Protein backbone atom coordinates (compact mmCIF):
# COMPACT_ATOMS: atom_id res chain seq x y z
CA MET A 1 16.03 -16.33 -1.50
CA THR A 2 12.85 -18.45 -0.53
CA TYR A 3 9.20 -18.71 -1.61
CA GLY A 4 6.17 -19.78 -0.04
CA ARG A 5 2.59 -19.60 -0.02
CA ASP A 6 0.15 -18.34 2.73
CA GLY A 7 -3.99 -19.11 1.89
CA ARG A 8 -3.97 -16.56 -1.90
CA LEU A 9 -0.50 -14.88 -1.45
CA GLY A 10 2.63 -15.76 -2.28
CA LEU A 11 5.64 -14.38 0.23
CA ARG A 12 8.96 -14.17 -1.55
CA THR A 13 11.91 -13.37 1.06
CA TRP A 14 15.58 -12.63 0.62
CA HIS A 15 16.91 -13.40 3.51
CA GLY A 16 19.35 -11.63 6.06
CA ASP A 17 20.64 -11.08 9.59
CA GLY A 18 18.33 -8.50 10.58
CA GLY A 19 15.25 -6.42 10.54
CA ASN A 20 12.59 -7.36 7.69
CA ILE A 21 11.22 -4.68 5.35
CA VAL A 22 7.46 -6.46 3.98
CA CYS A 23 6.79 -4.82 0.46
CA PHE A 24 4.04 -4.49 -1.53
CA PRO A 25 4.39 -3.91 -5.43
CA CYS A 26 2.79 -1.27 -7.80
CA ALA A 27 -0.46 -2.39 -9.80
CA GLY A 28 -0.08 -5.36 -12.25
CA GLY A 29 3.13 -6.24 -10.60
CA ASP A 30 4.92 -8.98 -8.46
CA SER A 31 7.32 -9.40 -5.71
CA LEU A 32 10.39 -9.99 -7.94
CA SER A 33 10.07 -6.47 -8.98
CA PHE A 34 12.12 -6.04 -5.25
CA ARG A 35 14.71 -8.32 -6.34
CA SER A 36 17.23 -5.65 -6.96
CA PHE A 37 16.12 -3.52 -4.28
CA ALA A 38 16.64 -6.88 -2.24
CA ALA A 39 20.30 -6.90 -3.50
CA ALA A 40 21.41 -3.71 -3.09
CA LEU A 41 20.16 -3.31 0.71
CA PRO A 42 23.11 -3.85 3.72
CA ASP A 43 23.39 -7.37 4.77
CA TRP A 44 21.31 -6.92 7.69
CA TYR A 45 18.16 -6.29 6.12
CA GLN A 46 15.74 -8.79 5.48
CA VAL A 47 13.13 -8.54 2.26
CA THR A 48 9.60 -9.91 2.53
CA ALA A 49 7.88 -9.09 -1.00
CA LEU A 50 4.06 -10.47 -1.67
CA ASP A 51 2.20 -11.51 -4.41
CA LEU A 52 -1.38 -10.88 -4.93
CA PRO A 53 -4.08 -13.59 -5.96
CA GLY A 54 -3.31 -14.19 -9.55
CA HIS A 55 -0.03 -12.21 -9.56
CA GLY A 56 3.53 -14.13 -9.86
CA GLY A 57 3.48 -17.00 -8.45
CA ALA A 58 0.17 -16.63 -6.06
CA PRO A 59 -2.95 -18.79 -7.03
CA GLY A 60 -6.01 -17.82 -8.64
CA PHE A 61 -7.70 -14.75 -9.91
CA PRO A 62 -6.80 -11.14 -9.13
CA VAL A 63 -8.73 -9.48 -6.87
CA THR A 64 -10.34 -6.09 -7.37
CA SER A 65 -11.45 -5.22 -3.71
CA LEU A 66 -8.47 -3.29 -2.09
CA ASP A 67 -10.45 -4.47 1.56
CA ARG A 68 -10.22 -7.65 0.21
CA LEU A 69 -6.61 -7.56 -0.28
CA VAL A 70 -6.06 -5.96 3.17
CA GLN A 71 -7.83 -8.67 4.37
CA LEU A 72 -5.45 -11.59 2.97
CA SER A 73 -2.33 -9.55 3.20
CA THR A 74 -3.29 -8.78 7.60
CA ALA A 75 -4.06 -12.69 7.87
CA ALA A 76 -0.68 -13.45 6.14
CA LEU A 77 1.47 -10.63 7.89
CA VAL A 78 -0.21 -11.33 11.80
CA ARG A 79 1.27 -14.74 11.86
CA ARG A 80 4.84 -13.59 11.26
CA PRO A 81 7.42 -11.32 13.09
CA VAL A 82 6.78 -8.20 13.34
CA PRO A 83 8.87 -6.31 10.62
CA VAL A 84 11.01 -2.97 10.99
CA ALA A 85 9.19 -1.51 7.93
CA VAL A 86 6.59 -1.64 5.46
CA LEU A 87 7.13 -0.51 1.71
CA GLY A 88 4.39 0.24 -0.73
CA HIS A 89 5.28 0.82 -4.28
CA SER A 90 2.58 3.14 -6.01
CA PHE A 91 -1.01 1.27 -5.71
CA GLY A 92 1.40 -1.10 -3.07
CA ALA A 93 1.33 2.17 -0.94
CA TYR A 94 -2.35 1.77 -0.52
CA LEU A 95 -2.54 -1.60 0.56
CA ALA A 96 0.73 -0.55 3.04
CA VAL A 97 -1.12 2.20 4.97
CA GLU A 98 -4.58 -0.16 5.36
CA SER A 99 -2.65 -3.33 6.14
CA VAL A 100 -0.75 -1.54 8.50
CA ARG A 101 -3.70 0.42 10.20
CA ARG A 102 -5.18 -3.14 10.50
CA LEU A 103 -2.45 -4.77 11.89
CA GLY A 104 -2.08 -1.93 14.38
CA ALA A 105 -5.46 -2.77 15.70
CA LEU A 106 -4.79 -6.14 15.99
CA ASP A 107 -0.76 -6.02 17.76
CA SER A 108 -0.06 -2.97 19.38
CA ARG A 109 3.80 -3.85 18.26
CA TRP A 110 2.66 -3.15 14.53
CA ARG A 111 2.44 0.65 15.96
CA ASP A 112 5.93 1.53 15.71
CA VAL A 113 6.55 -0.56 12.49
CA ARG A 114 7.84 2.74 9.81
CA VAL A 115 6.09 2.81 6.62
CA ILE A 116 7.56 3.93 3.25
CA LEU A 117 5.11 5.40 0.30
CA CYS A 118 7.04 5.42 -3.13
CA SER A 119 5.84 6.65 -5.91
CA ALA A 120 2.44 7.03 -4.96
CA ARG A 121 -0.10 9.55 -5.06
CA ALA A 122 -2.31 10.06 -2.22
CA PRO A 123 -6.01 9.67 -2.19
CA ALA A 124 -7.12 13.34 -2.47
CA VAL A 125 -4.59 14.12 -5.43
CA ALA A 126 -5.12 10.88 -7.26
CA THR A 127 -7.62 12.17 -9.74
CA THR A 128 -6.04 10.62 -13.00
CA LEU A 129 -5.43 6.99 -12.39
CA PRO A 130 -5.33 4.99 -15.31
CA SER A 131 -8.94 3.62 -16.29
CA PRO A 132 -9.23 -0.24 -16.09
CA ALA A 133 -11.89 0.04 -18.70
CA LEU A 134 -8.98 1.32 -21.33
CA ALA A 135 -9.06 -0.96 -24.33
CA ASP A 136 -5.98 -3.04 -24.48
CA ASP A 137 -4.03 -0.79 -26.64
CA ALA A 138 -5.00 1.97 -25.01
CA LEU A 139 -3.74 0.84 -21.69
CA ALA A 140 -0.56 -0.67 -23.27
CA ALA A 141 -0.12 2.63 -24.32
CA GLU A 142 -0.20 4.21 -20.76
CA LEU A 143 1.85 1.93 -19.22
CA VAL A 144 4.74 2.25 -21.99
CA GLY A 145 4.33 6.09 -21.15
CA LEU A 146 4.85 5.52 -17.52
CA GLY A 147 7.72 3.02 -18.16
CA GLY A 148 6.19 0.32 -16.67
CA ILE A 149 6.80 -2.18 -19.73
CA PRO A 150 8.83 -2.07 -23.10
CA GLN A 151 7.33 -1.11 -26.14
CA GLU A 152 8.31 -4.42 -27.45
CA LEU A 153 5.82 -6.72 -25.12
CA VAL A 154 2.68 -4.95 -26.77
CA GLY A 155 0.85 -7.35 -28.03
CA SER A 156 2.91 -10.20 -26.74
CA PRO A 157 1.52 -13.48 -24.73
CA LEU A 158 3.14 -11.90 -21.79
CA MET A 159 0.90 -8.72 -21.99
CA ALA A 160 -1.83 -10.88 -22.17
CA GLN A 161 -1.42 -12.38 -18.59
CA PHE A 162 -0.38 -8.83 -17.71
CA LEU A 163 -3.18 -7.02 -18.35
CA PRO A 164 -6.14 -8.58 -16.22
CA ARG A 165 -3.51 -8.44 -13.31
CA ILE A 166 -3.65 -4.58 -13.93
CA ARG A 167 -7.02 -4.23 -14.53
CA ALA A 168 -7.87 -5.61 -11.41
CA ASP A 169 -5.43 -3.45 -9.33
CA LEU A 170 -6.31 -0.17 -11.00
CA THR A 171 -10.27 -1.03 -10.10
CA ALA A 172 -9.17 -1.64 -6.61
CA ALA A 173 -7.37 1.64 -6.70
CA ARG A 174 -10.11 3.68 -8.06
CA SER A 175 -12.57 2.34 -5.64
CA TYR A 176 -10.12 3.03 -2.47
CA VAL A 177 -9.29 6.41 -3.61
CA ALA A 178 -13.23 6.94 -3.56
CA ASP A 179 -13.85 5.46 -0.66
CA ALA A 180 -10.83 7.37 1.16
CA ARG A 181 -12.55 11.02 0.06
CA ARG A 182 -15.39 9.91 1.49
CA GLN A 183 -14.75 8.12 4.53
CA HIS A 184 -11.90 10.63 5.99
CA ARG A 185 -10.09 8.05 8.09
CA PRO A 186 -8.16 9.12 11.19
CA PRO A 187 -4.74 9.72 10.04
CA LEU A 188 -2.00 6.62 10.93
CA ASP A 189 0.49 7.60 13.27
CA ASN A 190 3.47 5.43 11.90
CA ARG A 191 6.27 7.26 11.25
CA THR A 192 6.02 7.77 7.31
CA LEU A 193 8.37 8.41 4.48
CA VAL A 194 6.90 9.65 1.10
CA ILE A 195 9.54 8.74 -1.84
CA THR A 196 8.81 10.84 -4.90
CA GLY A 197 10.72 10.35 -8.05
CA ALA A 198 12.11 13.68 -9.57
CA ALA A 199 11.40 12.26 -13.63
CA ASP A 200 8.27 10.39 -12.31
CA PRO A 201 5.69 11.64 -14.72
CA LEU A 202 2.67 10.45 -12.42
CA CYS A 203 3.35 11.70 -9.15
CA ASP A 204 4.39 15.29 -8.71
CA PRO A 205 6.95 15.58 -5.50
CA ARG A 206 4.84 18.95 -4.89
CA LEU A 207 1.95 16.95 -3.84
CA ALA A 208 3.83 14.82 -1.35
CA GLY A 209 2.30 16.89 1.41
CA ALA A 210 -1.21 15.48 0.62
CA TRP A 211 -0.70 12.28 2.29
CA ARG A 212 -0.74 14.41 5.56
CA GLU A 213 -4.44 13.56 5.28
CA VAL A 214 -3.48 9.90 5.50
CA VAL A 215 -0.85 9.89 7.90
CA THR A 216 0.63 12.12 10.35
CA ASN A 217 3.44 14.31 9.43
CA PRO A 218 5.15 12.18 7.24
CA ASP A 219 8.79 12.75 6.02
CA ALA A 220 9.40 13.57 2.26
CA VAL A 221 12.21 12.98 -0.13
CA VAL A 222 12.70 13.23 -3.68
CA ILE A 223 15.26 11.32 -5.45
CA GLN A 224 16.36 10.87 -9.29
CA ALA A 225 14.39 8.52 -10.92
CA GLY A 226 10.59 8.01 -12.81
CA HIS A 227 7.94 6.16 -11.42
CA TYR A 228 9.11 2.49 -11.08
CA VAL A 229 11.77 3.22 -8.85
CA PRO A 230 12.56 -0.24 -7.18
CA GLN A 231 13.00 -1.80 -10.85
CA THR A 232 14.69 1.22 -12.56
CA ALA A 233 16.70 2.79 -9.44
CA PRO A 234 16.98 0.15 -6.97
CA ALA A 235 20.43 1.52 -5.23
CA VAL A 236 19.32 4.87 -4.84
CA LEU A 237 16.05 3.47 -3.38
CA ALA A 238 17.86 1.01 -0.72
CA GLN A 239 20.36 4.07 0.27
CA THR A 240 17.54 6.14 0.90
CA VAL A 241 15.60 3.49 2.91
CA ASP A 242 18.64 2.35 5.13
CA GLY A 243 19.65 6.25 5.85
CA TRP A 244 15.86 7.25 6.82
CA LEU A 245 15.57 3.47 8.98
CA SER A 246 19.07 4.56 10.63
CA THR A 247 18.05 7.85 11.91
CA THR A 248 15.58 8.89 14.77
CA ASP A 249 15.41 12.69 13.55
CA ALA A 250 12.46 13.69 11.55
CA LEU A 251 13.41 14.81 7.80
CA PRO A 252 12.36 18.38 6.35
CA ASP A 253 8.88 17.95 4.19
CA ALA A 254 10.28 17.67 0.94
CA HIS A 255 13.97 17.54 2.03
CA VAL A 256 16.12 16.69 -1.10
CA PHE A 257 17.93 13.27 0.80
CA LEU A 258 20.02 11.05 -1.25
CA GLY A 259 20.57 10.30 -4.64
CA ALA A 260 19.66 14.01 -6.04
């Protein structure tokens, strides 16, 4: 594993013998959230996970604009080899879609990169995202309920460091959702897989079809997991991703693929 910085971003890479998968973490998360997922993948994959500004090992303060985060991500990724796939977890799915959209306009090879959206609601149905304006105790309680943090961390020094990060990411997410509803951007043509956990309290698998407004004809799968799939079900996620990347056939919409 190696770690480096590119501008205001941190990039953590678990090295493999083949194609790279670029990963965007969930709100408040950092590159280490993909450690177990990278370990569970076959050796022929390489995984590069991003730390956004003020997250993990990246310097500076958290950024509240998704467009600015996309700019920073695009500037870093356009200088690197084109990956086989980009995976976004929860909030990271918005960054994945918009970064690939922008990179495809800069370099046509990015139009063949596959996109994986994990535990994320499409903007059209993202109506109940946690509010960044919640008091610390209330916001922490929501995160505990989602399985994002253990109860024992509430009120700890680690929680005090974590809350500004998640507030910034939630602000960026809510602004993006509002803008996406108004602007109606053309759907992204990259082949896409939407992964939802059957026990996810935030993302209803029945709403996966709403992603058709954002990406063209996505495949959809349901796995046995909650919301924080890379951390709590990394082996199932790795098996699902590898299986999908290894096939050229489209999957039936809402098909229960692996790990069910």
